[in-house]
Amino acid sequence: MQKFLFAFVAAMLALAWATQACAERVFPEQAKRGDMTAYTYPSMTIGDNVYRLAAGSHIVNQHNLIVMPASLQIQSAPVMYILDTGGDLSRIWLLTNDEAALHPLPK
């Protein structure tokens, strides 16, 4: 009986993990789509604009993990971003290829 219970709990945990892994990220309505073309801390070029990272900004990678701004290794990527009231970058999400296709650049 214990083996059956253990197998059942393990299967339920695996199912819960698989469901979370396949979940699509949802971005806020005010998030804008852009392409980051250069990054030199604390400045980031998105499209034709150069933005500064706001104090307390969050950069979320393709695996939905927060990365420290100074440790960001890539120089170009499709992104979703939000600006704060001062025009600085508040939140940045690095997109996967599938997410970039779902959220094309505005024309």
PDB file of N, CA and C in Angstrom:
ATOM      1  N   MET A   1       0.816  -1.191   0.000  1.00  0.00           N
ATOM      2  CA  MET A   1       0.000   0.000   0.000  1.00  0.00           C
ATOM      3  C   MET A   1       0.864   1.262   0.000  1.00  0.00           C
ATOM      4  N   GLN A   2       1.976   1.236   0.767  1.00  0.00           N
ATOM      5  CA  GLN A   2       2.853   2.396   0.819  1.00  0.00           C
ATOM      6  C   GLN A   2       3.504   2.654  -0.537  1.00  0.00           C
ATOM      7  N   LYS A   3       3.863   1.570  -1.248  1.00  0.00           N
ATOM      8  CA  LYS A   3       4.455   1.742  -2.571  1.00  0.00           C
ATOM      9  C   LYS A   3       3.462   2.400  -3.523  1.00  0.00           C
ATOM     10  N   PHE A   4       2.205   1.987  -3.457  1.00  0.00           N
ATOM     11  CA  PHE A   4       1.178   2.588  -4.300  1.00  0.00           C
ATOM     12  C   PHE A   4       0.998   4.065  -3.959  1.00  0.00           C
ATOM     13  N   LEU A   5       0.949   4.383  -2.683  1.00  0.00           N
ATOM     14  CA  LEU A   5       0.782   5.780  -2.257  1.00  0.00           C
ATOM     15  C   LEU A   5       1.971   6.617  -2.700  1.00  0.00           C
ATOM     16  N   PHE A   6       3.178   6.080  -2.540  1.00  0.00           N
ATOM     17  CA  PHE A   6       4.377   6.798  -2.972  1.00  0.00           C
ATOM     18  C   PHE A   6       4.351   7.041  -4.481  1.00  0.00           C
ATOM     19  N   ALA A   7       3.986   6.026  -5.265  1.00  0.00           N
ATOM     20  CA  ALA A   7       3.918   6.168  -6.723  1.00  0.00           C
ATOM     21  C   ALA A   7       2.865   7.197  -7.119  1.00  0.00           C
ATOM     22  N   PHE A   8       1.737   7.193  -6.424  1.00  0.00           N
ATOM     23  CA  PHE A   8       0.684   8.153  -6.721  1.00  0.00           C
ATOM     24  C   PHE A   8       1.143   9.585  -6.442  1.00  0.00           C
ATOM     25  N   VAL A   9       1.762   9.804  -5.300  1.00  0.00           N
ATOM     26  CA  VAL A   9       2.252  11.146  -4.945  1.00  0.00           C
ATOM     27  C   VAL A   9       3.332  11.588  -5.925  1.00  0.00           C
ATOM     28  N   ALA A  10       4.238  10.693  -6.295  1.00  0.00           N
ATOM     29  CA  ALA A  10       5.286  11.028  -7.256  1.00  0.00           C
ATOM     30  C   ALA A  10       4.689  11.393  -8.608  1.00  0.00           C
ATOM     31  N   ALA A  11       3.677  10.662  -9.051  1.00  0.00           N
ATOM     32  CA  ALA A  11       3.027  10.962 -10.328  1.00  0.00           C
ATOM     33  C   ALA A  11       2.320  12.315 -10.286  1.00  0.00           C
ATOM     34  N   MET A  12       1.680  12.627  -9.171  1.00  0.00           N
ATOM     35  CA  MET A  12       0.986  13.917  -9.044  1.00  0.00           C
ATOM     36  C   MET A  12       1.976  15.080  -9.042  1.00  0.00           C
ATOM     37  N   LEU A  13       3.108  14.910  -8.380  1.00  0.00           N
ATOM     38  CA  LEU A  13       4.132  15.947  -8.376  1.00  0.00           C
ATOM     39  C   LEU A  13       4.721  16.144  -9.766  1.00  0.00           C
ATOM     40  N   ALA A  14       4.957  15.055 -10.476  1.00  0.00           N
ATOM     41  CA  ALA A  14       5.483  15.148 -11.837  1.00  0.00           C
ATOM     42  C   ALA A  14       4.489  15.850 -12.751  1.00  0.00           C
ATOM     43  N   LEU A  15       3.224  15.554 -12.604  1.00  0.00           N
ATOM     44  CA  LEU A  15       2.195  16.199 -13.408  1.00  0.00           C
ATOM     45  C   LEU A  15       2.113  17.690 -13.096  1.00  0.00           C
ATOM     46  N   ALA A  16       2.186  18.042 -11.835  1.00  0.00           N
ATOM     47  CA  ALA A  16       2.145  19.454 -11.453  1.00  0.00           C
ATOM     48  C   ALA A  16       3.353  20.196 -12.003  1.00  0.00           C
ATOM     49  N   TRP A  17       4.526  19.573 -11.957  1.00  0.00           N
ATOM     50  CA  TRP A  17       5.732  20.210 -12.477  1.00  0.00           C
ATOM     51  C   TRP A  17       5.640  20.379 -13.995  1.00  0.00           C
ATOM     52  N   ALA A  18       5.149  19.363 -14.695  1.00  0.00           N
ATOM     53  CA  ALA A  18       5.032  19.436 -16.149  1.00  0.00           C
ATOM     54  C   ALA A  18       4.044  20.514 -16.557  1.00  0.00           C
ATOM     55  N   THR A  19       2.956  20.653 -15.819  1.00  0.00           N
ATOM     56  CA  THR A  19       1.970  21.690 -16.124  1.00  0.00           C
ATOM     57  C   THR A  19       2.585  23.069 -15.949  1.00  0.00           C
ATOM     58  N   GLN A  20       3.346  23.277 -14.891  1.00  0.00           N
ATOM     59  CA  GLN A  20       3.994  24.560 -14.658  1.00  0.00           C
ATOM     60  C   GLN A  20       5.037  24.852 -15.721  1.00  0.00           C
ATOM     61  N   ALA A  21       5.783  23.836 -16.136  1.00  0.00           N
ATOM     62  CA  ALA A  21       6.830  24.026 -17.133  1.00  0.00           C
ATOM     63  C   ALA A  21       6.247  24.422 -18.483  1.00  0.00           C
ATOM     64  N   CYS A  22       5.044  23.980 -18.791  1.00  0.00           N
ATOM     65  CA  CYS A  22       4.417  24.273 -20.077  1.00  0.00           C
ATOM     66  C   CYS A  22       3.573  25.543 -20.044  1.00  0.00           C
ATOM     67  N   ALA A  23       3.442  26.159 -18.892  1.00  0.00           N
ATOM     68  CA  ALA A  23       2.592  27.340 -18.763  1.00  0.00           C
ATOM     69  C   ALA A  23       3.180  28.502 -19.550  1.00  0.00           C
ATOM     70  N   GLU A  24       2.320  29.211 -20.242  1.00  0.00           N
ATOM     71  CA  GLU A  24       2.731  30.368 -21.003  1.00  0.00           C
ATOM     72  C   GLU A  24       2.836  31.577 -20.084  1.00  0.00           C
ATOM     73  N   ARG A  25       3.878  32.368 -20.277  1.00  0.00           N
ATOM     74  CA  ARG A  25       4.015  33.577 -19.457  1.00  0.00           C
ATOM     75  C   ARG A  25       3.005  34.616 -19.918  1.00  0.00           C
ATOM     76  N   VAL A  26       2.438  35.314 -18.969  1.00  0.00           N
ATOM     77  CA  VAL A  26       1.478  36.375 -19.263  1.00  0.00           C
ATOM     78  C   VAL A  26       2.143  37.698 -18.906  1.00  0.00           C
ATOM     79  N   PHE A  27       2.163  38.618 -19.863  1.00  0.00           N
ATOM     80  CA  PHE A  27       2.795  39.911 -19.652  1.00  0.00           C
ATOM     81  C   PHE A  27       1.722  40.960 -19.367  1.00  0.00           C
ATOM     82  N   PRO A  28       2.053  41.982 -18.578  1.00  0.00           N
ATOM     83  CA  PRO A  28       1.075  43.041 -18.300  1.00  0.00           C
ATOM     84  C   PRO A  28       0.647  43.750 -19.580  1.00  0.00           C
ATOM     85  N   GLU A  29      -0.549  44.307 -19.563  1.00  0.00           N
ATOM     86  CA  GLU A  29      -1.078  44.994 -20.749  1.00  0.00           C
ATOM     87  C   GLU A  29      -0.210  46.166 -21.175  1.00  0.00           C
ATOM     88  N   GLN A  30       0.408  46.858 -20.213  1.00  0.00           N
ATOM     89  CA  GLN A  30       1.207  48.030 -20.542  1.00  0.00           C
ATOM     90  C   GLN A  30       2.608  47.679 -21.042  1.00  0.00           C
ATOM     91  N   ALA A  31       2.962  46.399 -21.063  1.00  0.00           N
ATOM     92  CA  ALA A  31       4.283  45.982 -21.540  1.00  0.00           C
ATOM     93  C   ALA A  31       4.388  46.229 -23.037  1.00  0.00           C
ATOM     94  N   LYS A  32       5.548  46.726 -23.444  1.00  0.00           N
ATOM     95  CA  LYS A  32       5.824  47.005 -24.852  1.00  0.00           C
ATOM     96  C   LYS A  32       6.785  45.955 -25.379  1.00  0.00           C
ATOM     97  N   ARG A  33       6.706  45.710 -26.670  1.00  0.00           N
ATOM     98  CA  ARG A  33       7.574  44.738 -27.329  1.00  0.00           C
ATOM     99  C   ARG A  33       8.698  45.484 -28.016  1.00  0.00           C
ATOM    100  N   GLY A  34       9.907  44.989 -27.897  1.00  0.00           N
ATOM    101  CA  GLY A  34      11.053  45.592 -28.560  1.00  0.00           C
ATOM    102  C   GLY A  34      12.158  44.581 -28.751  1.00  0.00           C
ATOM    103  N   ASP A  35      13.203  45.020 -29.410  1.00  0.00           N
ATOM    104  CA  ASP A  35      14.395  44.198 -29.583  1.00  0.00           C
ATOM    105  C   ASP A  35      15.561  44.902 -28.913  1.00  0.00           C
ATOM    106  N   MET A  36      16.150  44.252 -27.914  1.00  0.00           N
ATOM    107  CA  MET A  36      17.341  44.790 -27.278  1.00  0.00           C
ATOM    108  C   MET A  36      18.498  44.544 -28.226  1.00  0.00           C
ATOM    109  N   THR A  37      19.231  45.606 -28.560  1.00  0.00           N
ATOM    110  CA  THR A  37      20.336  45.468 -29.500  1.00  0.00           C
ATOM    111  C   THR A  37      21.688  45.711 -28.855  1.00  0.00           C
ATOM    112  N   ALA A  38      21.710  46.291 -27.655  1.00  0.00           N
ATOM    113  CA  ALA A  38      22.976  46.505 -26.950  1.00  0.00           C
ATOM    114  C   ALA A  38      22.691  46.642 -25.468  1.00  0.00           C
ATOM    115  N   TYR A  39      23.628  46.158 -24.662  1.00  0.00           N
ATOM    116  CA  TYR A  39      23.476  46.266 -23.223  1.00  0.00           C
ATOM    117  C   TYR A  39      24.828  46.531 -22.593  1.00  0.00           C
ATOM    118  N   THR A  40      24.948  47.661 -21.958  1.00  0.00           N
ATOM    119  CA  THR A  40      26.115  48.010 -21.163  1.00  0.00           C
ATOM    120  C   THR A  40      25.574  48.601 -19.880  1.00  0.00           C
ATOM    121  N   TYR A  41      25.712  47.862 -18.782  1.00  0.00           N
ATOM    122  CA  TYR A  41      25.132  48.277 -17.508  1.00  0.00           C
ATOM    123  C   TYR A  41      25.511  49.707 -17.185  1.00  0.00           C
ATOM    124  N   PRO A  42      24.591  50.580 -16.857  1.00  0.00           N
ATOM    125  CA  PRO A  42      23.163  50.413 -16.615  1.00  0.00           C
ATOM    126  C   PRO A  42      22.285  50.858 -17.778  1.00  0.00           C
ATOM    127  N   SER A  43      22.831  50.888 -18.991  1.00  0.00           N
ATOM    128  CA  SER A  43      22.051  51.322 -20.152  1.00  0.00           C
ATOM    129  C   SER A  43      21.699  50.148 -21.046  1.00  0.00           C
ATOM    130  N   MET A  44      20.517  50.250 -21.661  1.00  0.00           N
ATOM    131  CA  MET A  44      20.049  49.205 -22.555  1.00  0.00           C
ATOM    132  C   MET A  44      19.428  49.877 -23.778  1.00  0.00           C
ATOM    133  N   THR A  45      19.837  49.435 -24.957  1.00  0.00           N
ATOM    134  CA  THR A  45      19.267  49.957 -26.188  1.00  0.00           C
ATOM    135  C   THR A  45      18.164  49.017 -26.648  1.00  0.00           C
ATOM    136  N   ILE A  46      16.947  49.562 -26.748  1.00  0.00           N
ATOM    137  CA  ILE A  46      15.797  48.808 -27.245  1.00  0.00           C
ATOM    138  C   ILE A  46      15.250  49.585 -28.431  1.00  0.00           C
ATOM    139  N   GLY A  47      15.285  48.952 -29.589  1.00  0.00           N
ATOM    140  CA  GLY A  47      14.900  49.654 -30.807  1.00  0.00           C
ATOM    141  C   GLY A  47      15.894  50.775 -31.055  1.00  0.00           C
ATOM    142  N   ASP A  48      15.389  51.992 -31.233  1.00  0.00           N
ATOM    143  CA  ASP A  48      16.247  53.160 -31.469  1.00  0.00           C
ATOM    144  C   ASP A  48      16.495  53.962 -30.203  1.00  0.00           C
ATOM    145  N   ASN A  49      15.957  53.518 -29.065  1.00  0.00           N
ATOM    146  CA  ASN A  49      16.051  54.280 -27.824  1.00  0.00           C
ATOM    147  C   ASN A  49      17.042  53.659 -26.855  1.00  0.00           C
ATOM    148  N   VAL A  50      17.744  54.525 -26.123  1.00  0.00           N
ATOM    149  CA  VAL A  50      18.647  54.078 -25.062  1.00  0.00           C
ATOM    150  C   VAL A  50      17.964  54.403 -23.741  1.00  0.00           C
ATOM    151  N   TYR A  51      17.764  53.373 -22.911  1.00  0.00           N
ATOM    152  CA  TYR A  51      17.105  53.522 -21.614  1.00  0.00           C
ATOM    153  C   TYR A  51      18.093  53.193 -20.511  1.00  0.00           C
ATOM    154  N   ARG A  52      17.860  53.788 -19.345  1.00  0.00           N
ATOM    155  CA  ARG A  52      18.593  53.430 -18.128  1.00  0.00           C
ATOM    156  C   ARG A  52      17.756  52.458 -17.327  1.00  0.00           C
ATOM    157  N   LEU A  53      18.418  51.553 -16.626  1.00  0.00           N
ATOM    158  CA  LEU A  53      17.696  50.672 -15.718  1.00  0.00           C
ATOM    159  C   LEU A  53      17.299  51.463 -14.480  1.00  0.00           C
ATOM    160  N   ALA A  54      16.054  51.338 -14.088  1.00  0.00           N
ATOM    161  CA  ALA A  54      15.563  52.011 -12.894  1.00  0.00           C
ATOM    162  C   ALA A  54      16.119  51.316 -11.655  1.00  0.00           C
ATOM    163  N   ALA A  55      16.154  52.060 -10.557  1.00  0.00           N
ATOM    164  CA  ALA A  55      16.541  51.443  -9.295  1.00  0.00           C
ATOM    165  C   ALA A  55      15.512  50.363  -8.961  1.00  0.00           C
ATOM    166  N   GLY A  56      15.974  49.183  -8.654  1.00  0.00           N
ATOM    167  CA  GLY A  56      15.058  48.085  -8.340  1.00  0.00           C
ATOM    168  C   GLY A  56      14.445  47.423  -9.548  1.00  0.00           C
ATOM    169  N   SER A  57      15.007  47.642 -10.732  1.00  0.00           N
ATOM    170  CA  SER A  57      14.452  47.008 -11.929  1.00  0.00           C
ATOM    171  C   SER A  57      14.652  45.499 -11.878  1.00  0.00           C
ATOM    172  N   HIS A  58      13.790  44.792 -12.604  1.00  0.00           N
ATOM    173  CA  HIS A  58      13.871  43.331 -12.684  1.00  0.00           C
ATOM    174  C   HIS A  58      14.100  42.926 -14.129  1.00  0.00           C
ATOM    175  N   ILE A  59      15.047  42.030 -14.326  1.00  0.00           N
ATOM    176  CA  ILE A  59      15.256  41.404 -15.631  1.00  0.00           C
ATOM    177  C   ILE A  59      14.927  39.931 -15.447  1.00  0.00           C
ATOM    178  N   VAL A  60      13.981  39.448 -16.253  1.00  0.00           N
ATOM    179  CA  VAL A  60      13.538  38.059 -16.157  1.00  0.00           C
ATOM    180  C   VAL A  60      13.987  37.340 -17.430  1.00  0.00           C
ATOM    181  N   ASN A  61      14.738  36.248 -17.268  1.00  0.00           N
ATOM    182  CA  ASN A  61      15.259  35.545 -18.436  1.00  0.00           C
ATOM    183  C   ASN A  61      14.207  34.636 -19.075  1.00  0.00           C
ATOM    184  N   GLN A  62      14.620  33.879 -20.084  1.00  0.00           N
ATOM    185  CA  GLN A  62      13.708  33.025 -20.832  1.00  0.00           C
ATOM    186  C   GLN A  62      13.158  31.875 -19.995  1.00  0.00           C
ATOM    187  N   HIS A  63      13.794  31.564 -18.873  1.00  0.00           N
ATOM    188  CA  HIS A  63      13.337  30.495 -17.985  1.00  0.00           C
ATOM    189  C   HIS A  63      12.505  31.045 -16.834  1.00  0.00           C
ATOM    190  N   ASN A  64      12.130  32.328 -16.941  1.00  0.00           N
ATOM    191  CA  ASN A  64      11.303  33.018 -15.949  1.00  0.00           C
ATOM    192  C   ASN A  64      12.019  33.168 -14.602  1.00  0.00           C
ATOM    193  N   LEU A  65      13.330  33.306 -14.643  1.00  0.00           N
ATOM    194  CA  LEU A  65      14.136  33.537 -13.454  1.00  0.00           C
ATOM    195  C   LEU A  65      14.667  34.959 -13.473  1.00  0.00           C
ATOM    196  N   ILE A  66      14.693  35.609 -12.327  1.00  0.00           N
ATOM    197  CA  ILE A  66      15.238  36.958 -12.240  1.00  0.00           C
ATOM    198  C   ILE A  66      16.760  36.870 -12.284  1.00  0.00           C
ATOM    199  N   VAL A  67      17.367  37.693 -13.149  1.00  0.00           N
ATOM    200  CA  VAL A  67      18.822  37.747 -13.241  1.00  0.00           C
ATOM    201  C   VAL A  67      19.284  39.129 -12.804  1.00  0.00           C
ATOM    202  N   MET A  68      20.448  39.189 -12.234  1.00  0.00           N
ATOM    203  CA  MET A  68      21.008  40.464 -11.801  1.00  0.00           C
ATOM    204  C   MET A  68      21.451  41.249 -13.031  1.00  0.00           C
ATOM    205  N   PRO A  69      21.162  42.554 -13.067  1.00  0.00           N
ATOM    206  CA  PRO A  69      21.508  43.349 -14.254  1.00  0.00           C
ATOM    207  C   PRO A  69      22.989  43.294 -14.623  1.00  0.00           C
ATOM    208  N   ALA A  70      23.868  43.322 -13.643  1.00  0.00           N
ATOM    209  CA  ALA A  70      25.298  43.325 -13.948  1.00  0.00           C
ATOM    210  C   ALA A  70      25.787  41.982 -14.479  1.00  0.00           C
ATOM    211  N   SER A  71      25.010  40.917 -14.298  1.00  0.00           N
ATOM    212  CA  SER A  71      25.447  39.596 -14.762  1.00  0.00           C
ATOM    213  C   SER A  71      24.819  39.187 -16.093  1.00  0.00           C
ATOM    214  N   LEU A  72      24.044  40.060 -16.706  1.00  0.00           N
ATOM    215  CA  LEU A  72      23.417  39.733 -17.988  1.00  0.00           C
ATOM    216  C   LEU A  72      24.497  39.592 -19.052  1.00  0.00           C
ATOM    217  N   GLN A  73      24.553  38.445 -19.701  1.00  0.00           N
ATOM    218  CA  GLN A  73      25.632  38.136 -20.629  1.00  0.00           C
ATOM    219  C   GLN A  73      25.292  38.392 -22.092  1.00  0.00           C
ATOM    220  N   ILE A  74      24.018  38.519 -22.429  1.00  0.00           N
ATOM    221  CA  ILE A  74      23.651  38.654 -23.839  1.00  0.00           C
ATOM    222  C   ILE A  74      23.633  40.117 -24.259  1.00  0.00           C
ATOM    223  N   GLN A  75      23.821  40.361 -25.533  1.00  0.00           N
ATOM    224  CA  GLN A  75      23.824  41.721 -26.055  1.00  0.00           C
ATOM    225  C   GLN A  75      22.623  42.010 -26.948  1.00  0.00           C
ATOM    226  N   SER A  76      21.929  40.983 -27.394  1.00  0.00           N
ATOM    227  CA  SER A  76      20.743  41.211 -28.219  1.00  0.00           C
ATOM    228  C   SER A  76      19.720  40.124 -27.932  1.00  0.00           C
ATOM    229  N   ALA A  77      18.464  40.539 -27.889  1.00  0.00           N
ATOM    230  CA  ALA A  77      17.386  39.594 -27.606  1.00  0.00           C
ATOM    231  C   ALA A  77      16.050  40.283 -27.817  1.00  0.00           C
ATOM    232  N   PRO A  78      15.017  39.518 -28.189  1.00  0.00           N
ATOM    233  CA  PRO A  78      13.670  40.079 -28.192  1.00  0.00           C
ATOM    234  C   PRO A  78      13.218  40.237 -26.740  1.00  0.00           C
ATOM    235  N   VAL A  79      12.561  41.356 -26.432  1.00  0.00           N
ATOM    236  CA  VAL A  79      12.161  41.642 -25.055  1.00  0.00           C
ATOM    237  C   VAL A  79      10.751  42.224 -24.999  1.00  0.00           C
ATOM    238  N   MET A  80      10.157  42.097 -23.826  1.00  0.00           N
ATOM    239  CA  MET A  80       8.983  42.865 -23.429  1.00  0.00           C
ATOM    240  C   MET A  80       9.488  43.739 -22.295  1.00  0.00           C
ATOM    241  N   TYR A  81       9.000  44.990 -22.211  1.00  0.00           N
ATOM    242  CA  TYR A  81       9.513  45.867 -21.173  1.00  0.00           C
ATOM    243  C   TYR A  81       8.448  46.859 -20.716  1.00  0.00           C
ATOM    244  N   ILE A  82       8.671  47.387 -19.516  1.00  0.00           N
ATOM    245  CA  ILE A  82       7.801  48.405 -18.933  1.00  0.00           C
ATOM    246  C   ILE A  82       8.687  49.544 -18.452  1.00  0.00           C
ATOM    247  N   LEU A  83       8.283  50.765 -18.757  1.00  0.00           N
ATOM    248  CA  LEU A  83       8.987  51.952 -18.289  1.00  0.00           C
ATOM    249  C   LEU A  83       8.300  52.497 -17.045  1.00  0.00           C
ATOM    250  N   ASP A  84       9.086  53.062 -16.123  1.00  0.00           N
ATOM    251  CA  ASP A  84       8.490  53.699 -14.950  1.00  0.00           C
ATOM    252  C   ASP A  84       8.103  55.137 -15.297  1.00  0.00           C
ATOM    253  N   THR A  85       7.623  55.887 -14.332  1.00  0.00           N
ATOM    254  CA  THR A  85       7.156  57.254 -14.598  1.00  0.00           C
ATOM    255  C   THR A  85       8.280  58.188 -15.013  1.00  0.00           C
ATOM    256  N   GLY A  86       9.517  57.843 -14.679  1.00  0.00           N
ATOM    257  CA  GLY A  86      10.657  58.666 -15.074  1.00  0.00           C
ATOM    258  C   GLY A  86      11.233  58.287 -16.426  1.00  0.00           C
ATOM    259  N   GLY A  87      10.659  57.288 -17.085  1.00  0.00           N
ATOM    260  CA  GLY A  87      11.142  56.852 -18.390  1.00  0.00           C
ATOM    261  C   GLY A  87      12.271  55.834 -18.326  1.00  0.00           C
ATOM    262  N   ASP A  88      12.542  55.304 -17.135  1.00  0.00           N
ATOM    263  CA  ASP A  88      13.571  54.276 -16.983  1.00  0.00           C
ATOM    264  C   ASP A  88      12.940  52.887 -17.072  1.00  0.00           C
ATOM    265  N   LEU A  89      13.763  51.892 -17.400  1.00  0.00           N
ATOM    266  CA  LEU A  89      13.283  50.515 -17.504  1.00  0.00           C
ATOM    267  C   LEU A  89      12.991  49.950 -16.125  1.00  0.00           C
ATOM    268  N   SER A  90      11.768  49.549 -15.927  1.00  0.00           N
ATOM    269  CA  SER A  90      11.352  48.987 -14.645  1.00  0.00           C
ATOM    270  C   SER A  90      11.359  47.465 -14.669  1.00  0.00           C
ATOM    271  N   ARG A  91      10.796  46.883 -15.725  1.00  0.00           N
ATOM    272  CA  ARG A  91      10.720  45.424 -15.869  1.00  0.00           C
ATOM    273  C   ARG A  91      11.104  45.065 -17.301  1.00  0.00           C
ATOM    274  N   ILE A  92      11.933  44.013 -17.423  1.00  0.00           N
ATOM    275  CA  ILE A  92      12.342  43.520 -18.736  1.00  0.00           C
ATOM    276  C   ILE A  92      12.208  42.008 -18.725  1.00  0.00           C
ATOM    277  N   TRP A  93      11.562  41.481 -19.744  1.00  0.00           N
ATOM    278  CA  TRP A  93      11.447  40.031 -19.917  1.00  0.00           C
ATOM    279  C   TRP A  93      12.178  39.661 -21.202  1.00  0.00           C
ATOM    280  N   LEU A  94      13.159  38.774 -21.115  1.00  0.00           N
ATOM    281  CA  LEU A  94      13.819  38.245 -22.306  1.00  0.00           C
ATOM    282  C   LEU A  94      12.920  37.148 -22.862  1.00  0.00           C
ATOM    283  N   LEU A  95      12.597  37.242 -24.135  1.00  0.00           N
ATOM    284  CA  LEU A  95      11.634  36.331 -24.745  1.00  0.00           C
ATOM    285  C   LEU A  95      12.303  35.134 -25.406  1.00  0.00           C
ATOM    286  N   THR A  96      11.599  34.016 -25.392  1.00  0.00           N
ATOM    287  CA  THR A  96      12.020  32.856 -26.176  1.00  0.00           C
ATOM    288  C   THR A  96      11.620  33.116 -27.626  1.00  0.00           C
ATOM    289  N   ASN A  97      12.087  32.295 -28.542  1.00  0.00           N
ATOM    290  CA  ASN A  97      11.710  32.455 -29.954  1.00  0.00           C
ATOM    291  C   ASN A  97      10.201  32.292 -30.140  1.00  0.00           C
ATOM    292  N   ASP A  98       9.598  31.350 -29.415  1.00  0.00           N
ATOM    293  CA  ASP A  98       8.154  31.145 -29.522  1.00  0.00           C
ATOM    294  C   ASP A  98       7.383  32.354 -29.005  1.00  0.00           C
ATOM    295  N   GLU A  99       7.821  32.932 -27.879  1.00  0.00           N
ATOM    296  CA  GLU A  99       7.152  34.114 -27.338  1.00  0.00           C
ATOM    297  C   GLU A  99       7.313  35.308 -28.267  1.00  0.00           C
ATOM    298  N   ALA A 100       8.492  35.446 -28.876  1.00  0.00           N
ATOM    299  CA  ALA A 100       8.706  36.533 -29.819  1.00  0.00           C
ATOM    300  C   ALA A 100       7.776  36.412 -31.024  1.00  0.00           C
ATOM    301  N   ALA A 101       7.523  35.183 -31.463  1.00  0.00           N
ATOM    302  CA  ALA A 101       6.596  34.975 -32.574  1.00  0.00           C
ATOM    303  C   ALA A 101       5.161  35.286 -32.169  1.00  0.00           C
ATOM    304  N   LEU A 102       4.800  34.997 -30.911  1.00  0.00           N
ATOM    305  CA  LEU A 102       3.444  35.295 -30.427  1.00  0.00           C
ATOM    306  C   LEU A 102       3.214  36.785 -30.211  1.00  0.00           C
ATOM    307  N   HIS A 103       4.290  37.516 -29.929  1.00  0.00           N
ATOM    308  CA  HIS A 103       4.218  38.952 -29.674  1.00  0.00           C
ATOM    309  C   HIS A 103       5.128  39.680 -30.673  1.00  0.00           C
ATOM    310  N   PRO A 104       4.666  39.863 -31.913  1.00  0.00           N
ATOM    311  CA  PRO A 104       5.531  40.486 -32.918  1.00  0.00           C
ATOM    312  C   PRO A 104       5.761  41.970 -32.615  1.00  0.00           C
ATOM    313  N   LEU A 105       6.812  42.506 -33.202  1.00  0.00           N
ATOM    314  CA  LEU A 105       7.108  43.938 -33.052  1.00  0.00           C
ATOM    315  C   LEU A 105       5.982  44.758 -33.657  1.00  0.00           C
ATOM    316  N   PRO A 106       5.621  45.887 -33.023  1.00  0.00           N
ATOM    317  CA  PRO A 106       4.586  46.753 -33.613  1.00  0.00           C
ATOM    318  C   PRO A 106       5.127  47.421 -34.872  1.00  0.00           C
ATOM    319  N   LYS A 107       4.220  47.697 -35.785  1.00  0.00           N
ATOM    320  CA  LYS A 107       4.643  48.321 -37.049  1.00  0.00           C
ATOM    321  C   LYS A 107       4.449  49.805 -37.018  1.00  0.00           C
TER     322      LYS A 107
END
